[in-house]
Amino acid sequence: MRIARYTTGEEPTFGIVEDDGGRLVLSEVQGDPLYQPVTPTGVRVPLDDVRLLAPVIPRSKVVGIGRNYAEHAAEMGGEAPAEPLLFLKPNTSVIGPGDPVTLPRQSRNVHYEGELAVVIGRICKDVPVERVPDVIYGYTCANDVTARDLQRSDGQWARAKGFDGFCPLGPWIETSLDPSDLHVVTRRDGEVVQDGRTSQMVHDVAHLVAHVSAAFTLLPGDVILTGTPAGVGPVGAGQRVEVEIEGIGTLANPFVTRD
């Protein structure tokens, strides 16, 4: 099931993405499906008539995983860490599909990083690997936008990865998906710049969630970014980045400068 968050010009609402004779429609549901059963209201609207929003706004946190693909670790000048490398992005960094990423004045070297994102579905702590599927609500696409020059100069990653708009998510949450071997492709202005598979992760989804939950209590709507394949690179004003993940869809965002 695909759960989208959207607006028709009024208050944001949630809906199930359905195929209606070759066109996609949204079947509106009551409330927030993270916190109550999915119950359609009977209202249906064509996908083309709505504006998709970030499918979830974490009330607590976005947890990133650094250097979780060996080839990406190598292109960054190092090796993949023995344990998952954790960092945090504020929930104010989250934006939705189509929303512009504003390049900060403080950086001259902003990079895209296409990633699979895990959305947590229930409060949990110290989750055993074999119980991880029980706490996952679903998966979506993410772009872990990074100010690479600030990442190097600061010596830690909070500012470099935490600017407003530096965590695009979308286009929706897929709740039924095997994340073990998904194709992950990133395009910059239509050109493929990243092409990997989640099977290339050093630490798989189950071990990532277990490891993160050993450090932090995870809450419904928390998001874990699982790392990016090799091929990261700069993106400038006027360019567009698409992150496409097999079984989910495509997240696209333009990059702009501040007025």
C-alpha atoms as a PDB file:
ATOM      1  CA  MET A   1       0.000   0.000   0.000  1.00  0.00           C
ATOM      2  CA  ARG A   2       1.185   3.482  -0.871  1.00  0.00           C
ATOM      3  CA  ILE A   3       0.320   6.261   1.570  1.00  0.00           C
ATOM      4  CA  ALA A   4       0.655   9.862   0.390  1.00  0.00           C
ATOM      5  CA  ARG A   5       0.272  13.152   2.222  1.00  0.00           C
ATOM      6  CA  TYR A   6      -1.140  15.902   0.044  1.00  0.00           C
ATOM      7  CA  THR A   7      -3.159  19.074  -0.239  1.00  0.00           C
ATOM      8  CA  THR A   8      -5.786  20.309  -2.647  1.00  0.00           C
ATOM      9  CA  GLY A   9      -5.234  23.853  -1.380  1.00  0.00           C
ATOM     10  CA  GLU A  10      -6.677  23.234   2.046  1.00  0.00           C
ATOM     11  CA  GLU A  11      -5.377  21.386   5.125  1.00  0.00           C
ATOM     12  CA  PRO A  12      -2.968  18.498   4.434  1.00  0.00           C
ATOM     13  CA  THR A  13      -4.575  15.076   4.338  1.00  0.00           C
ATOM     14  CA  PHE A  14      -3.551  11.482   3.706  1.00  0.00           C
ATOM     15  CA  GLY A  15      -4.643   9.088   1.016  1.00  0.00           C
ATOM     16  CA  ILE A  16      -3.965   5.709  -0.552  1.00  0.00           C
ATOM     17  CA  VAL A  17      -2.406   5.881  -4.014  1.00  0.00           C
ATOM     18  CA  GLU A  18      -4.455   3.703  -6.364  1.00  0.00           C
ATOM     19  CA  ASP A  19      -4.485   2.878 -10.060  1.00  0.00           C
ATOM     20  CA  ASP A  20      -7.832   3.757 -11.621  1.00  0.00           C
ATOM     21  CA  GLY A  21      -7.798   2.483 -15.162  1.00  0.00           C
ATOM     22  CA  GLY A  22      -4.289   3.708 -15.927  1.00  0.00           C
ATOM     23  CA  ARG A  23      -4.393   6.973 -13.989  1.00  0.00           C
ATOM     24  CA  LEU A  24      -3.340   7.412 -10.369  1.00  0.00           C
ATOM     25  CA  VAL A  25      -5.894   8.623  -7.861  1.00  0.00           C
ATOM     26  CA  LEU A  26      -5.795   9.285  -4.137  1.00  0.00           C
ATOM     27  CA  SER A  27      -8.388   7.661  -1.912  1.00  0.00           C
ATOM     28  CA  GLU A  28      -8.615   9.934   1.134  1.00  0.00           C
ATOM     29  CA  VAL A  29      -8.300   8.321   4.584  1.00  0.00           C
ATOM     30  CA  GLN A  30      -9.346   9.529   8.009  1.00  0.00           C
ATOM     31  CA  GLY A  31      -6.699  11.213  10.161  1.00  0.00           C
ATOM     32  CA  ASP A  32      -3.055  10.186  10.217  1.00  0.00           C
ATOM     33  CA  PRO A  33      -2.549   6.510   9.294  1.00  0.00           C
ATOM     34  CA  LEU A  34       0.532   6.353  11.499  1.00  0.00           C
ATOM     35  CA  TYR A  35      -1.717   6.675  14.521  1.00  0.00           C
ATOM     36  CA  GLN A  36      -5.008   5.053  13.519  1.00  0.00           C
ATOM     37  CA  PRO A  37      -6.294   2.339  11.172  1.00  0.00           C
ATOM     38  CA  VAL A  38      -6.426   3.183   7.479  1.00  0.00           C
ATOM     39  CA  THR A  39     -10.079   4.039   6.890  1.00  0.00           C
ATOM     40  CA  PRO A  40     -11.109   5.519   3.501  1.00  0.00           C
ATOM     41  CA  THR A  41     -13.574   8.388   3.619  1.00  0.00           C
ATOM     42  CA  GLY A  42     -14.949   7.697   0.146  1.00  0.00           C
ATOM     43  CA  VAL A  43     -13.432  10.875  -1.309  1.00  0.00           C
ATOM     44  CA  ARG A  44     -11.224  10.258  -4.343  1.00  0.00           C
ATOM     45  CA  VAL A  45      -9.158  12.807  -6.236  1.00  0.00           C
ATOM     46  CA  PRO A  46      -6.827  12.459  -9.259  1.00  0.00           C
ATOM     47  CA  LEU A  47      -3.155  12.606  -8.338  1.00  0.00           C
ATOM     48  CA  ASP A  48      -2.648  15.275 -11.012  1.00  0.00           C
ATOM     49  CA  ASP A  49      -5.041  17.579  -9.131  1.00  0.00           C
ATOM     50  CA  VAL A  50      -3.135  17.644  -5.822  1.00  0.00           C
ATOM     51  CA  ARG A  51       0.164  18.854  -4.499  1.00  0.00           C
ATOM     52  CA  LEU A  52       2.135  16.067  -2.860  1.00  0.00           C
ATOM     53  CA  LEU A  53       3.759  16.926   0.461  1.00  0.00           C
ATOM     54  CA  ALA A  54       6.485  15.185   2.421  1.00  0.00           C
ATOM     55  CA  PRO A  55       4.783  11.882   3.311  1.00  0.00           C
ATOM     56  CA  VAL A  56       5.835  12.269   6.935  1.00  0.00           C
ATOM     57  CA  ILE A  57       7.114  15.121   9.095  1.00  0.00           C
ATOM     58  CA  PRO A  58       9.052  13.444  11.901  1.00  0.00           C
ATOM     59  CA  ARG A  59       7.849  14.723  15.266  1.00  0.00           C
ATOM     60  CA  SER A  60      11.125  13.602  16.783  1.00  0.00           C
ATOM     61  CA  LYS A  61      14.097  13.069  14.450  1.00  0.00           C
ATOM     62  CA  VAL A  62      15.727  12.030  11.212  1.00  0.00           C
ATOM     63  CA  VAL A  63      18.650   9.679  11.786  1.00  0.00           C
ATOM     64  CA  GLY A  64      21.233   9.484   9.023  1.00  0.00           C
ATOM     65  CA  ILE A  65      23.715   6.699   8.373  1.00  0.00           C
ATOM     66  CA  GLY A  66      27.094   7.738   6.986  1.00  0.00           C
ATOM     67  CA  ARG A  67      29.251   5.750   4.582  1.00  0.00           C
ATOM     68  CA  ASN A  68      27.051   2.664   4.454  1.00  0.00           C
ATOM     69  CA  TYR A  69      28.107   1.746   0.896  1.00  0.00           C
ATOM     70  CA  ALA A  70      31.767   0.711   0.542  1.00  0.00           C
ATOM     71  CA  GLU A  71      32.262   2.465  -2.808  1.00  0.00           C
ATOM     72  CA  HIS A  72      30.837   5.714  -1.424  1.00  0.00           C
ATOM     73  CA  ALA A  73      33.135   5.454   1.602  1.00  0.00           C
ATOM     74  CA  ALA A  74      36.060   5.015  -0.796  1.00  0.00           C
ATOM     75  CA  GLU A  75      35.083   8.030  -2.907  1.00  0.00           C
ATOM     76  CA  MET A  76      34.994  10.059   0.315  1.00  0.00           C
ATOM     77  CA  GLY A  77      38.557   8.987   1.075  1.00  0.00           C
ATOM     78  CA  GLY A  78      37.988   6.302   3.688  1.00  0.00           C
ATOM     79  CA  GLU A  79      36.597   2.905   4.517  1.00  0.00           C
ATOM     80  CA  ALA A  80      33.141   1.918   5.665  1.00  0.00           C
ATOM     81  CA  PRO A  81      33.006   1.963   9.479  1.00  0.00           C
ATOM     82  CA  ALA A  82      32.714  -1.302  11.368  1.00  0.00           C
ATOM     83  CA  GLU A  83      29.561  -0.019  13.081  1.00  0.00           C
ATOM     84  CA  PRO A  84      26.929   2.218  11.486  1.00  0.00           C
ATOM     85  CA  LEU A  85      27.946   5.873  11.673  1.00  0.00           C
ATOM     86  CA  LEU A  86      25.003   7.898  13.014  1.00  0.00           C
ATOM     87  CA  PHE A  87      24.121  11.564  12.633  1.00  0.00           C
ATOM     88  CA  LEU A  88      20.950  13.602  13.087  1.00  0.00           C
ATOM     89  CA  LYS A  89      19.064  15.952  10.791  1.00  0.00           C
ATOM     90  CA  PRO A  90      16.417  18.250  12.273  1.00  0.00           C
ATOM     91  CA  ASN A  91      12.816  17.781  11.202  1.00  0.00           C
ATOM     92  CA  THR A  92      12.942  21.343   9.829  1.00  0.00           C
ATOM     93  CA  SER A  93      15.175  19.969   7.064  1.00  0.00           C
ATOM     94  CA  VAL A  94      12.281  17.883   5.682  1.00  0.00           C
ATOM     95  CA  ILE A  95      10.529  19.030   2.505  1.00  0.00           C
ATOM     96  CA  GLY A  96       8.352  17.235  -0.013  1.00  0.00           C
ATOM     97  CA  PRO A  97       8.459  16.280  -3.685  1.00  0.00           C
ATOM     98  CA  GLY A  98       8.739  19.251  -5.998  1.00  0.00           C
ATOM     99  CA  ASP A  99       9.692  21.617  -3.184  1.00  0.00           C
ATOM    100  CA  PRO A 100      12.792  23.706  -3.953  1.00  0.00           C
ATOM    101  CA  VAL A 101      16.014  23.092  -2.064  1.00  0.00           C
ATOM    102  CA  THR A 102      17.452  26.502  -1.263  1.00  0.00           C
ATOM    103  CA  LEU A 103      21.237  26.574  -1.478  1.00  0.00           C
ATOM    104  CA  PRO A 104      22.667  28.216   1.651  1.00  0.00           C
ATOM    105  CA  ARG A 105      24.916  31.246   1.348  1.00  0.00           C
ATOM    106  CA  GLN A 106      27.416  29.611   3.696  1.00  0.00           C
ATOM    107  CA  SER A 107      28.328  26.829   1.255  1.00  0.00           C
ATOM    108  CA  ARG A 108      29.834  26.707  -2.208  1.00  0.00           C
ATOM    109  CA  ASN A 109      29.765  22.911  -2.600  1.00  0.00           C
ATOM    110  CA  VAL A 110      26.358  21.303  -2.033  1.00  0.00           C
ATOM    111  CA  HIS A 111      25.965  17.632  -2.987  1.00  0.00           C
ATOM    112  CA  TYR A 112      22.992  15.321  -3.640  1.00  0.00           C
ATOM    113  CA  GLU A 113      22.805  11.904  -1.942  1.00  0.00           C
ATOM    114  CA  GLY A 114      19.996   9.609  -3.070  1.00  0.00           C
ATOM    115  CA  GLU A 115      18.912   7.143  -0.376  1.00  0.00           C
ATOM    116  CA  LEU A 116      16.301   4.674   0.799  1.00  0.00           C
ATOM    117  CA  ALA A 117      14.500   6.019   3.877  1.00  0.00           C
ATOM    118  CA  VAL A 118      12.840   3.899   6.563  1.00  0.00           C
ATOM    119  CA  VAL A 119       9.752   5.260   8.329  1.00  0.00           C
ATOM    120  CA  ILE A 120       9.205   3.960  11.863  1.00  0.00           C
ATOM    121  CA  GLY A 121       5.652   2.956  12.751  1.00  0.00           C
ATOM    122  CA  ARG A 122       5.653   2.522  16.525  1.00  0.00           C
ATOM    123  CA  ILE A 123       7.537   3.582  19.623  1.00  0.00           C
ATOM    124  CA  CYS A 124      10.431   1.216  20.190  1.00  0.00           C
ATOM    125  CA  LYS A 125      13.771   0.798  21.949  1.00  0.00           C
ATOM    126  CA  ASP A 126      16.483  -1.890  21.761  1.00  0.00           C
ATOM    127  CA  VAL A 127      14.761  -3.709  18.917  1.00  0.00           C
ATOM    128  CA  PRO A 128      16.270  -7.149  18.138  1.00  0.00           C
ATOM    129  CA  VAL A 129      17.160  -7.657  14.484  1.00  0.00           C
ATOM    130  CA  GLU A 130      14.496 -10.324  14.054  1.00  0.00           C
ATOM    131  CA  ARG A 131      11.785  -7.950  15.355  1.00  0.00           C
ATOM    132  CA  VAL A 132      12.679  -4.974  13.148  1.00  0.00           C
ATOM    133  CA  PRO A 133       9.924  -5.637  10.553  1.00  0.00           C
ATOM    134  CA  ASP A 134       7.380  -5.187  13.368  1.00  0.00           C
ATOM    135  CA  VAL A 135       8.405  -1.551  13.952  1.00  0.00           C
ATOM    136  CA  ILE A 136       8.747  -0.376  10.336  1.00  0.00           C
ATOM    137  CA  TYR A 137       5.770   1.432   8.836  1.00  0.00           C
ATOM    138  CA  GLY A 138       7.230   1.657   5.341  1.00  0.00           C
ATOM    139  CA  TYR A 139       9.799   3.132   2.999  1.00  0.00           C
ATOM    140  CA  THR A 140      10.233   6.250   0.910  1.00  0.00           C
ATOM    141  CA  CYS A 141      12.860   8.014  -1.192  1.00  0.00           C
ATOM    142  CA  ALA A 142      15.200  10.581   0.330  1.00  0.00           C
ATOM    143  CA  ASN A 143      17.881  13.030  -0.731  1.00  0.00           C
ATOM    144  CA  ASP A 144      20.399  13.570   2.070  1.00  0.00           C
ATOM    145  CA  VAL A 145      21.542  16.958   0.763  1.00  0.00           C
ATOM    146  CA  THR A 146      24.960  17.880   2.154  1.00  0.00           C
ATOM    147  CA  ALA A 147      27.100  21.006   2.186  1.00  0.00           C
ATOM    148  CA  ARG A 148      30.319  19.115   1.559  1.00  0.00           C
ATOM    149  CA  ASP A 149      32.677  22.007   2.288  1.00  0.00           C
ATOM    150  CA  LEU A 150      31.042  22.646   5.673  1.00  0.00           C
ATOM    151  CA  GLN A 151      31.048  18.939   6.456  1.00  0.00           C
ATOM    152  CA  ARG A 152      34.828  18.978   6.093  1.00  0.00           C
ATOM    153  CA  SER A 153      35.481  22.303   7.808  1.00  0.00           C
ATOM    154  CA  ASP A 154      33.131  21.810  10.768  1.00  0.00           C
ATOM    155  CA  GLY A 155      34.487  18.401  11.732  1.00  0.00           C
ATOM    156  CA  GLN A 156      30.936  17.213  12.459  1.00  0.00           C
ATOM    157  CA  TRP A 157      27.875  17.068  10.281  1.00  0.00           C
ATOM    158  CA  ALA A 158      24.985  18.853  11.990  1.00  0.00           C
ATOM    159  CA  ARG A 159      25.167  22.096  10.032  1.00  0.00           C
ATOM    160  CA  ALA A 160      26.322  20.539   6.755  1.00  0.00           C
ATOM    161  CA  LYS A 161      23.349  18.179   6.624  1.00  0.00           C
ATOM    162  CA  GLY A 162      20.818  20.096   8.661  1.00  0.00           C
ATOM    163  CA  PHE A 163      19.944  23.240   6.694  1.00  0.00           C
ATOM    164  CA  ASP A 164      16.263  23.883   6.053  1.00  0.00           C
ATOM    165  CA  GLY A 165      15.225  21.848   3.015  1.00  0.00           C
ATOM    166  CA  PHE A 166      18.191  19.448   3.143  1.00  0.00           C
ATOM    167  CA  CYS A 167      16.012  16.347   3.571  1.00  0.00           C
ATOM    168  CA  PRO A 168      13.544  15.934   0.699  1.00  0.00           C
ATOM    169  CA  LEU A 169      11.267  12.917   1.229  1.00  0.00           C
ATOM    170  CA  GLY A 170       8.667  11.325  -1.035  1.00  0.00           C
ATOM    171  CA  PRO A 171       6.738  10.879  -3.137  1.00  0.00           C
ATOM    172  CA  TRP A 172       4.841   8.585  -0.715  1.00  0.00           C
ATOM    173  CA  ILE A 173       5.387   5.767   1.767  1.00  0.00           C
ATOM    174  CA  GLU A 174       5.326   2.207   0.446  1.00  0.00           C
ATOM    175  CA  THR A 175       4.231  -0.061   3.306  1.00  0.00           C
ATOM    176  CA  SER A 176       4.765  -3.434   1.579  1.00  0.00           C
ATOM    177  CA  LEU A 177       8.323  -3.736   0.341  1.00  0.00           C
ATOM    178  CA  ASP A 178      11.352  -5.994   0.708  1.00  0.00           C
ATOM    179  CA  PRO A 179      14.281  -3.553   1.087  1.00  0.00           C
ATOM    180  CA  SER A 180      17.045  -6.119   0.641  1.00  0.00           C
ATOM    181  CA  ASP A 181      17.864  -5.572  -3.056  1.00  0.00           C
ATOM    182  CA  LEU A 182      16.249  -2.451  -4.497  1.00  0.00           C
ATOM    183  CA  HIS A 183      17.604  -0.454  -7.418  1.00  0.00           C
ATOM    184  CA  VAL A 184      18.540   3.106  -6.348  1.00  0.00           C
ATOM    185  CA  VAL A 185      19.136   5.662  -9.115  1.00  0.00           C
ATOM    186  CA  THR A 186      19.865   9.383  -8.822  1.00  0.00           C
ATOM    187  CA  ARG A 187      19.640  11.720 -11.802  1.00  0.00           C
ATOM    188  CA  ARG A 188      20.880  15.293 -12.083  1.00  0.00           C
ATOM    189  CA  ASP A 189      19.118  17.130 -14.909  1.00  0.00           C
ATOM    190  CA  GLY A 190      18.155  13.751 -16.364  1.00  0.00           C
ATOM    191  CA  GLU A 191      21.680  12.282 -16.307  1.00  0.00           C
ATOM    192  CA  VAL A 192      22.267   9.206 -14.159  1.00  0.00           C
ATOM    193  CA  VAL A 193      24.858  10.072 -11.509  1.00  0.00           C
ATOM    194  CA  GLN A 194      24.224   7.316  -8.943  1.00  0.00           C
ATOM    195  CA  ASP A 195      23.290   3.737  -9.762  1.00  0.00           C
ATOM    196  CA  GLY A 196      23.342   1.230  -6.931  1.00  0.00           C
ATOM    197  CA  ARG A 197      21.391  -1.443  -5.100  1.00  0.00           C
ATOM    198  CA  THR A 198      20.439  -1.691  -1.449  1.00  0.00           C
ATOM    199  CA  SER A 199      22.086  -5.133  -1.417  1.00  0.00           C
ATOM    200  CA  GLN A 200      25.388  -3.212  -1.550  1.00  0.00           C
ATOM    201  CA  MET A 201      24.802  -1.721   1.886  1.00  0.00           C
ATOM    202  CA  VAL A 202      27.485  -2.599   4.421  1.00  0.00           C
ATOM    203  CA  HIS A 203      24.803  -2.786   7.139  1.00  0.00           C
ATOM    204  CA  ASP A 204      21.333  -3.836   5.998  1.00  0.00           C
ATOM    205  CA  VAL A 205      18.052  -2.229   7.053  1.00  0.00           C
ATOM    206  CA  ALA A 206      17.358  -4.624   9.913  1.00  0.00           C
ATOM    207  CA  HIS A 207      20.782  -4.107  11.472  1.00  0.00           C
ATOM    208  CA  LEU A 208      20.542  -0.328  11.001  1.00  0.00           C
ATOM    209  CA  VAL A 209      17.199  -0.082  12.791  1.00  0.00           C
ATOM    210  CA  ALA A 210      18.410  -2.354  15.593  1.00  0.00           C
ATOM    211  CA  HIS A 211      21.591  -0.311  15.997  1.00  0.00           C
ATOM    212  CA  VAL A 212      19.806   3.042  15.963  1.00  0.00           C
ATOM    213  CA  SER A 213      17.192   1.844  18.452  1.00  0.00           C
ATOM    214  CA  ALA A 214      19.962   0.797  20.833  1.00  0.00           C
ATOM    215  CA  ALA A 215      20.984   4.454  21.008  1.00  0.00           C
ATOM    216  CA  PHE A 216      17.674   6.315  20.665  1.00  0.00           C
ATOM    217  CA  THR A 217      14.080   5.598  21.476  1.00  0.00           C
ATOM    218  CA  LEU A 218      12.358   5.673  18.102  1.00  0.00           C
ATOM    219  CA  LEU A 219       8.916   7.249  17.766  1.00  0.00           C
ATOM    220  CA  PRO A 220       6.208   6.839  15.113  1.00  0.00           C
ATOM    221  CA  GLY A 221       7.184   8.915  12.081  1.00  0.00           C
ATOM    222  CA  ASP A 222      10.901   8.937  12.836  1.00  0.00           C
ATOM    223  CA  VAL A 223      12.946   8.461   9.668  1.00  0.00           C
ATOM    224  CA  ILE A 224      16.202   6.563   9.185  1.00  0.00           C
ATOM    225  CA  LEU A 225      18.254   7.365   6.075  1.00  0.00           C
ATOM    226  CA  THR A 226      20.166   4.247   5.098  1.00  0.00           C
ATOM    227  CA  GLY A 227      23.176   5.707   3.285  1.00  0.00           C
ATOM    228  CA  THR A 228      23.964   6.594  -0.304  1.00  0.00           C
ATOM    229  CA  PRO A 229      25.634   4.680  -3.151  1.00  0.00           C
ATOM    230  CA  ALA A 230      28.748   5.956  -4.887  1.00  0.00           C
ATOM    231  CA  GLY A 231      28.472   8.841  -7.316  1.00  0.00           C
ATOM    232  CA  VAL A 232      27.703  11.804  -5.089  1.00  0.00           C
ATOM    233  CA  GLY A 233      28.487  15.168  -6.607  1.00  0.00           C
ATOM    234  CA  PRO A 234      27.673  18.863  -6.712  1.00  0.00           C
ATOM    235  CA  VAL A 235      24.350  20.399  -7.612  1.00  0.00           C
ATOM    236  CA  GLY A 236      23.815  24.046  -8.435  1.00  0.00           C
ATOM    237  CA  ALA A 237      21.036  26.555  -8.756  1.00  0.00           C
ATOM    238  CA  GLY A 238      18.685  25.786 -11.632  1.00  0.00           C
ATOM    239  CA  GLN A 239      19.406  22.056 -11.565  1.00  0.00           C
ATOM    240  CA  ARG A 240      16.969  19.291 -10.706  1.00  0.00           C
ATOM    241  CA  VAL A 241      17.721  16.079  -8.827  1.00  0.00           C
ATOM    242  CA  GLU A 242      15.593  12.930  -9.021  1.00  0.00           C
ATOM    243  CA  VAL A 243      15.921   9.945  -6.693  1.00  0.00           C
ATOM    244  CA  GLU A 244      14.188   6.837  -8.030  1.00  0.00           C
ATOM    245  CA  ILE A 245      13.896   3.661  -5.975  1.00  0.00           C
ATOM    246  CA  GLU A 246      12.522   0.405  -7.288  1.00  0.00           C
ATOM    247  CA  GLY A 247       9.120  -0.411  -5.826  1.00  0.00           C
ATOM    248  CA  ILE A 248       8.543   3.111  -4.495  1.00  0.00           C
ATOM    249  CA  GLY A 249       8.734   5.810  -7.160  1.00  0.00           C
ATOM    250  CA  THR A 250      10.618   9.007  -7.916  1.00  0.00           C
ATOM    251  CA  LEU A 251      11.366  12.004  -5.707  1.00  0.00           C
ATOM    252  CA  ALA A 252      12.296  15.144  -7.670  1.00  0.00           C
ATOM    253  CA  ASN A 253      13.385  18.567  -6.376  1.00  0.00           C
ATOM    254  CA  PRO A 254      14.766  21.718  -8.014  1.00  0.00           C
ATOM    255  CA  PHE A 255      17.680  23.573  -6.453  1.00  0.00           C
ATOM    256  CA  VAL A 256      17.523  27.355  -6.155  1.00  0.00           C
ATOM    257  CA  THR A 257      19.384  30.273  -4.622  1.00  0.00           C
ATOM    258  CA  ARG A 258      17.978  32.496  -1.915  1.00  0.00           C
ATOM    259  CA  ASP A 259      16.439  35.742  -3.168  1.00  0.00           C
END
